Amino acid sequence: MIEVVLNGEGRTLPPTTSVASALQQWGYRCEQIAVAINGEFVARGEYANTLLRAKDFVEVVAPVQGG
């Protein structure tokens, strides 16, 4: 298992978990959020191909509507 930090909270995942798989496990819908790993945004089309590594800092942000 690997440890990552999701929005400031520790999470444990299997070692070959993609961003897409992690988001699904965490209850996020990929089309509604943006993801940064260690401060760098990941293109939505790369979520399935991007593997998380131990000690990665993952930030998930959702757009906020308002006016």
PDB file of N, CA and C in Angstrom:
ATOM      1  N   MET A   1       0.841  -1.179   0.000  1.00  0.00           N
ATOM      2  CA  MET A   1       0.000   0.000   0.000  1.00  0.00           C
ATOM      3  C   MET A   1       0.891   1.250   0.000  1.00  0.00           C
ATOM      4  N   ILE A   2       0.349   2.322  -0.564  1.00  0.00           N
ATOM      5  CA  ILE A   2       1.058   3.592  -0.551  1.00  0.00           C
ATOM      6  C   ILE A   2       0.205   4.629   0.175  1.00  0.00           C
ATOM      7  N   GLU A   3       0.865   5.610   0.726  1.00  0.00           N
ATOM      8  CA  GLU A   3       0.190   6.722   1.397  1.00  0.00           C
ATOM      9  C   GLU A   3       0.282   7.951   0.516  1.00  0.00           C
ATOM     10  N   VAL A   4      -0.853   8.604   0.279  1.00  0.00           N
ATOM     11  CA  VAL A   4      -0.885   9.883  -0.416  1.00  0.00           C
ATOM     12  C   VAL A   4      -1.636  10.869   0.462  1.00  0.00           C
ATOM     13  N   VAL A   5      -1.548  12.130   0.123  1.00  0.00           N
ATOM     14  CA  VAL A   5      -2.275  13.161   0.864  1.00  0.00           C
ATOM     15  C   VAL A   5      -3.307  13.749  -0.089  1.00  0.00           C
ATOM     16  N   LEU A   6      -4.580  13.622   0.266  1.00  0.00           N
ATOM     17  CA  LEU A   6      -5.680  14.153  -0.533  1.00  0.00           C
ATOM     18  C   LEU A   6      -6.270  15.358   0.171  1.00  0.00           C
ATOM     19  N   ASN A   7      -6.107  16.522  -0.427  1.00  0.00           N
ATOM     20  CA  ASN A   7      -6.656  17.754   0.149  1.00  0.00           C
ATOM     21  C   ASN A   7      -6.329  17.874   1.638  1.00  0.00           C
ATOM     22  N   GLY A   8      -5.084  17.535   1.989  1.00  0.00           N
ATOM     23  CA  GLY A   8      -4.625  17.688   3.364  1.00  0.00           C
ATOM     24  C   GLY A   8      -4.859  16.498   4.280  1.00  0.00           C
ATOM     25  N   GLU A   9      -5.506  15.425   3.784  1.00  0.00           N
ATOM     26  CA  GLU A   9      -5.783  14.246   4.608  1.00  0.00           C
ATOM     27  C   GLU A   9      -5.075  13.019   4.042  1.00  0.00           C
ATOM     28  N   GLY A  10      -4.467  12.222   4.902  1.00  0.00           N
ATOM     29  CA  GLY A  10      -3.785  11.013   4.470  1.00  0.00           C
ATOM     30  C   GLY A  10      -4.761   9.967   3.962  1.00  0.00           C
ATOM     31  N   ARG A  11      -4.378   9.299   2.894  1.00  0.00           N
ATOM     32  CA  ARG A  11      -5.170   8.214   2.311  1.00  0.00           C
ATOM     33  C   ARG A  11      -4.235   7.073   1.938  1.00  0.00           C
ATOM     34  N   THR A  12      -4.739   5.844   2.001  1.00  0.00           N
ATOM     35  CA  THR A  12      -3.974   4.662   1.638  1.00  0.00           C
ATOM     36  C   THR A  12      -4.574   4.054   0.374  1.00  0.00           C
ATOM     37  N   LEU A  13      -3.702   3.693  -0.567  1.00  0.00           N
ATOM     38  CA  LEU A  13      -4.125   3.121  -1.843  1.00  0.00           C
ATOM     39  C   LEU A  13      -3.212   1.967  -2.231  1.00  0.00           C
ATOM     40  N   PRO A  14      -3.689   1.055  -3.098  1.00  0.00           N
ATOM     41  CA  PRO A  14      -2.797   0.044  -3.660  1.00  0.00           C
ATOM     42  C   PRO A  14      -1.713   0.732  -4.493  1.00  0.00           C
ATOM     43  N   PRO A  15      -0.551   0.123  -4.632  1.00  0.00           N
ATOM     44  CA  PRO A  15       0.589   0.783  -5.268  1.00  0.00           C
ATOM     45  C   PRO A  15       0.439   1.123  -6.745  1.00  0.00           C
ATOM     46  N   THR A  16      -0.443   0.511  -7.487  1.00  0.00           N
ATOM     47  CA  THR A  16      -0.586   0.824  -8.914  1.00  0.00           C
ATOM     48  C   THR A  16      -1.948   1.468  -9.189  1.00  0.00           C
ATOM     49  N   THR A  17      -2.324   2.434  -8.375  1.00  0.00           N
ATOM     50  CA  THR A  17      -3.608   3.104  -8.526  1.00  0.00           C
ATOM     51  C   THR A  17      -3.468   4.328  -9.416  1.00  0.00           C
ATOM     52  N   SER A  18      -4.330   4.403 -10.431  1.00  0.00           N
ATOM     53  CA  SER A  18      -4.339   5.575 -11.313  1.00  0.00           C
ATOM     54  C   SER A  18      -5.144   6.687 -10.656  1.00  0.00           C
ATOM     55  N   VAL A  19      -4.971   7.883 -11.172  1.00  0.00           N
ATOM     56  CA  VAL A  19      -5.754   9.014 -10.688  1.00  0.00           C
ATOM     57  C   VAL A  19      -7.245   8.716 -10.865  1.00  0.00           C
ATOM     58  N   ALA A  20      -7.624   8.178 -12.028  1.00  0.00           N
ATOM     59  CA  ALA A  20      -9.034   7.878 -12.293  1.00  0.00           C
ATOM     60  C   ALA A  20      -9.590   6.884 -11.275  1.00  0.00           C
ATOM     61  N   SER A  21      -8.835   5.840 -10.964  1.00  0.00           N
ATOM     62  CA  SER A  21      -9.294   4.845  -9.991  1.00  0.00           C
ATOM     63  C   SER A  21      -9.410   5.447  -8.597  1.00  0.00           C
ATOM     64  N   ALA A  22      -8.435   6.253  -8.224  1.00  0.00           N
ATOM     65  CA  ALA A  22      -8.467   6.881  -6.907  1.00  0.00           C
ATOM     66  C   ALA A  22      -9.668   7.817  -6.789  1.00  0.00           C
ATOM     67  N   LEU A  23      -9.911   8.604  -7.826  1.00  0.00           N
ATOM     68  CA  LEU A  23     -11.055   9.511  -7.792  1.00  0.00           C
ATOM     69  C   LEU A  23     -12.363   8.754  -7.636  1.00  0.00           C
ATOM     70  N   GLN A  24     -12.470   7.637  -8.334  1.00  0.00           N
ATOM     71  CA  GLN A  24     -13.679   6.815  -8.226  1.00  0.00           C
ATOM     72  C   GLN A  24     -13.830   6.279  -6.799  1.00  0.00           C
ATOM     73  N   GLN A  25     -12.749   5.784  -6.218  1.00  0.00           N
ATOM     74  CA  GLN A  25     -12.785   5.266  -4.844  1.00  0.00           C
ATOM     75  C   GLN A  25     -13.181   6.359  -3.858  1.00  0.00           C
ATOM     76  N   TRP A  26     -12.736   7.572  -4.118  1.00  0.00           N
ATOM     77  CA  TRP A  26     -12.995   8.684  -3.212  1.00  0.00           C
ATOM     78  C   TRP A  26     -14.342   9.350  -3.463  1.00  0.00           C
ATOM     79  N   GLY A  27     -15.087   8.889  -4.490  1.00  0.00           N
ATOM     80  CA  GLY A  27     -16.425   9.396  -4.744  1.00  0.00           C
ATOM     81  C   GLY A  27     -16.520  10.634  -5.615  1.00  0.00           C
ATOM     82  N   TYR A  28     -15.475  10.929  -6.380  1.00  0.00           N
ATOM     83  CA  TYR A  28     -15.491  12.089  -7.274  1.00  0.00           C
ATOM     84  C   TYR A  28     -15.912  11.668  -8.674  1.00  0.00           C
ATOM     85  N   ARG A  29     -16.553  12.576  -9.390  1.00  0.00           N
ATOM     86  CA  ARG A  29     -16.872  12.384 -10.801  1.00  0.00           C
ATOM     87  C   ARG A  29     -15.849  13.173 -11.602  1.00  0.00           C
ATOM     88  N   CYS A  30     -15.097  12.491 -12.432  1.00  0.00           N
ATOM     89  CA  CYS A  30     -13.964  13.100 -13.145  1.00  0.00           C
ATOM     90  C   CYS A  30     -14.344  14.321 -13.974  1.00  0.00           C
ATOM     91  N   GLU A  31     -15.530  14.340 -14.538  1.00  0.00           N
ATOM     92  CA  GLU A  31     -15.901  15.449 -15.410  1.00  0.00           C
ATOM     93  C   GLU A  31     -16.245  16.721 -14.642  1.00  0.00           C
ATOM     94  N   GLN A  32     -16.312  16.644 -13.323  1.00  0.00           N
ATOM     95  CA  GLN A  32     -16.725  17.794 -12.530  1.00  0.00           C
ATOM     96  C   GLN A  32     -15.607  18.404 -11.693  1.00  0.00           C
ATOM     97  N   ILE A  33     -14.388  17.919 -11.846  1.00  0.00           N
ATOM     98  CA  ILE A  33     -13.299  18.379 -10.980  1.00  0.00           C
ATOM     99  C   ILE A  33     -12.013  18.580 -11.774  1.00  0.00           C
ATOM    100  N   ALA A  34     -11.043  19.197 -11.121  1.00  0.00           N
ATOM    101  CA  ALA A  34      -9.677  19.306 -11.645  1.00  0.00           C
ATOM    102  C   ALA A  34      -8.745  18.710 -10.596  1.00  0.00           C
ATOM    103  N   VAL A  35      -7.638  18.127 -11.051  1.00  0.00           N
ATOM    104  CA  VAL A  35      -6.708  17.440 -10.150  1.00  0.00           C
ATOM    105  C   VAL A  35      -5.295  17.973 -10.354  1.00  0.00           C
ATOM    106  N   ALA A  36      -4.636  18.257  -9.243  1.00  0.00           N
ATOM    107  CA  ALA A  36      -3.217  18.605  -9.266  1.00  0.00           C
ATOM    108  C   ALA A  36      -2.474  17.606  -8.396  1.00  0.00           C
ATOM    109  N   ILE A  37      -1.331  17.170  -8.877  1.00  0.00           N
ATOM    110  CA  ILE A  37      -0.462  16.271  -8.106  1.00  0.00           C
ATOM    111  C   ILE A  37       0.840  17.007  -7.878  1.00  0.00           C
ATOM    112  N   ASN A  38       1.184  17.177  -6.609  1.00  0.00           N
ATOM    113  CA  ASN A  38       2.404  17.891  -6.234  1.00  0.00           C
ATOM    114  C   ASN A  38       2.481  19.265  -6.906  1.00  0.00           C
ATOM    115  N   GLY A  39       1.331  19.935  -6.997  1.00  0.00           N
ATOM    116  CA  GLY A  39       1.284  21.291  -7.516  1.00  0.00           C
ATOM    117  C   GLY A  39       1.144  21.423  -9.013  1.00  0.00           C
ATOM    118  N   GLU A  40       1.100  20.308  -9.746  1.00  0.00           N
ATOM    119  CA  GLU A  40       0.973  20.356 -11.203  1.00  0.00           C
ATOM    120  C   GLU A  40      -0.347  19.730 -11.627  1.00  0.00           C
ATOM    121  N   PHE A  41      -1.144  20.501 -12.391  1.00  0.00           N
ATOM    122  CA  PHE A  41      -2.425  19.982 -12.839  1.00  0.00           C
ATOM    123  C   PHE A  41      -2.232  18.847 -13.833  1.00  0.00           C
ATOM    124  N   VAL A  42      -3.131  17.875 -13.750  1.00  0.00           N
ATOM    125  CA  VAL A  42      -3.118  16.711 -14.633  1.00  0.00           C
ATOM    126  C   VAL A  42      -4.269  16.886 -15.631  1.00  0.00           C
ATOM    127  N   ALA A  43      -3.986  16.709 -16.908  1.00  0.00           N
ATOM    128  CA  ALA A  43      -5.034  16.794 -17.923  1.00  0.00           C
ATOM    129  C   ALA A  43      -6.056  15.686 -17.692  1.00  0.00           C
ATOM    130  N   ARG A  44      -7.320  16.023 -17.817  1.00  0.00           N
ATOM    131  CA  ARG A  44      -8.391  15.055 -17.571  1.00  0.00           C
ATOM    132  C   ARG A  44      -8.200  13.787 -18.405  1.00  0.00           C
ATOM    133  N   GLY A  45      -7.727  13.931 -19.625  1.00  0.00           N
ATOM    134  CA  GLY A  45      -7.504  12.784 -20.495  1.00  0.00           C
ATOM    135  C   GLY A  45      -6.377  11.867 -20.029  1.00  0.00           C
ATOM    136  N   GLU A  46      -5.592  12.323 -19.058  1.00  0.00           N
ATOM    137  CA  GLU A  46      -4.476  11.532 -18.539  1.00  0.00           C
ATOM    138  C   GLU A  46      -4.776  10.875 -17.189  1.00  0.00           C
ATOM    139  N   TYR A  47      -5.964  11.072 -16.648  1.00  0.00           N
ATOM    140  CA  TYR A  47      -6.290  10.501 -15.331  1.00  0.00           C
ATOM    141  C   TYR A  47      -6.093   8.987 -15.302  1.00  0.00           C
ATOM    142  N   ALA A  48      -6.515   8.286 -16.342  1.00  0.00           N
ATOM    143  CA  ALA A  48      -6.410   6.824 -16.359  1.00  0.00           C
ATOM    144  C   ALA A  48      -4.977   6.346 -16.521  1.00  0.00           C
ATOM    145  N   ASN A  49      -4.121   7.184 -17.126  1.00  0.00           N
ATOM    146  CA  ASN A  49      -2.731   6.794 -17.392  1.00  0.00           C
ATOM    147  C   ASN A  49      -1.747   7.273 -16.337  1.00  0.00           C
ATOM    148  N   THR A  50      -2.187   8.107 -15.422  1.00  0.00           N
ATOM    149  CA  THR A  50      -1.293   8.682 -14.416  1.00  0.00           C
ATOM    150  C   THR A  50      -1.402   7.890 -13.120  1.00  0.00           C
ATOM    151  N   LEU A  51      -0.301   7.266 -12.725  1.00  0.00           N
ATOM    152  CA  LEU A  51      -0.286   6.491 -11.490  1.00  0.00           C
ATOM    153  C   LEU A  51       0.149   7.363 -10.320  1.00  0.00           C
ATOM    154  N   LEU A  52      -0.495   7.167  -9.193  1.00  0.00           N
ATOM    155  CA  LEU A  52      -0.112   7.875  -7.977  1.00  0.00           C
ATOM    156  C   LEU A  52       1.071   7.170  -7.328  1.00  0.00           C
ATOM    157  N   ARG A  53       1.938   7.946  -6.712  1.00  0.00           N
ATOM    158  CA  ARG A  53       3.122   7.402  -6.038  1.00  0.00           C
ATOM    159  C   ARG A  53       3.045   7.741  -4.558  1.00  0.00           C
ATOM    160  N   ALA A  54       3.787   6.999  -3.771  1.00  0.00           N
ATOM    161  CA  ALA A  54       3.843   7.249  -2.332  1.00  0.00           C
ATOM    162  C   ALA A  54       4.229   8.693  -2.075  1.00  0.00           C
ATOM    163  N   LYS A  55       3.558   9.296  -1.129  1.00  0.00           N
ATOM    164  CA  LYS A  55       3.805  10.661  -0.659  1.00  0.00           C
ATOM    165  C   LYS A  55       3.374  11.744  -1.644  1.00  0.00           C
ATOM    166  N   ASP A  56       2.616  11.388  -2.706  1.00  0.00           N
ATOM    167  CA  ASP A  56       2.083  12.408  -3.593  1.00  0.00           C
ATOM    168  C   ASP A  56       1.092  13.281  -2.834  1.00  0.00           C
ATOM    169  N   PHE A  57       1.089  14.554  -3.148  1.00  0.00           N
ATOM    170  CA  PHE A  57       0.096  15.493  -2.628  1.00  0.00           C
ATOM    171  C   PHE A  57      -0.930  15.711  -3.732  1.00  0.00           C
ATOM    172  N   VAL A  58      -2.143  15.261  -3.499  1.00  0.00           N
ATOM    173  CA  VAL A  58      -3.207  15.338  -4.488  1.00  0.00           C
ATOM    174  C   VAL A  58      -4.210  16.399  -4.051  1.00  0.00           C
ATOM    175  N   GLU A  59      -4.450  17.349  -4.938  1.00  0.00           N
ATOM    176  CA  GLU A  59      -5.460  18.373  -4.674  1.00  0.00           C
ATOM    177  C   GLU A  59      -6.572  18.181  -5.686  1.00  0.00           C
ATOM    178  N   VAL A  60      -7.796  18.051  -5.186  1.00  0.00           N
ATOM    179  CA  VAL A  60      -8.973  17.946  -6.041  1.00  0.00           C
ATOM    180  C   VAL A  60      -9.798  19.201  -5.823  1.00  0.00           C
ATOM    181  N   VAL A  61     -10.060  19.899  -6.913  1.00  0.00           N
ATOM    182  CA  VAL A  61     -10.845  21.132  -6.816  1.00  0.00           C
ATOM    183  C   VAL A  61     -12.041  21.048  -7.754  1.00  0.00           C
ATOM    184  N   ALA A  62     -13.138  21.625  -7.300  1.00  0.00           N
ATOM    185  CA  ALA A  62     -14.357  21.680  -8.104  1.00  0.00           C
ATOM    186  C   ALA A  62     -14.673  23.135  -8.398  1.00  0.00           C
ATOM    187  N   PRO A  63     -15.147  23.423  -9.612  1.00  0.00           N
ATOM    188  CA  PRO A  63     -15.504  24.798  -9.922  1.00  0.00           C
ATOM    189  C   PRO A  63     -16.675  25.259  -9.042  1.00  0.00           C
ATOM    190  N   VAL A  64     -16.634  26.527  -8.692  1.00  0.00           N
ATOM    191  CA  VAL A  64     -17.692  27.104  -7.870  1.00  0.00           C
ATOM    192  C   VAL A  64     -18.435  28.125  -8.723  1.00  0.00           C
ATOM    193  N   GLN A  65     -19.742  27.971  -8.775  1.00  0.00           N
ATOM    194  CA  GLN A  65     -20.541  28.934  -9.525  1.00  0.00           C
ATOM    195  C   GLN A  65     -21.062  29.997  -8.583  1.00  0.00           C
ATOM    196  N   GLY A  66     -21.169  31.147  -9.085  1.00  0.00           N
ATOM    197  CA  GLY A  66     -21.681  32.237  -8.270  1.00  0.00           C
ATOM    198  C   GLY A  66     -21.766  33.500  -9.097  1.00  0.00           C
ATOM    199  N   GLY A  67     -22.187  34.523  -8.460  1.00  0.00           N
ATOM    200  CA  GLY A  67     -22.292  35.726  -9.268  1.00  0.00           C
ATOM    201  C   GLY A  67     -22.479  36.970  -8.480  1.00  0.00           C
TER     202      GLY A  67
END
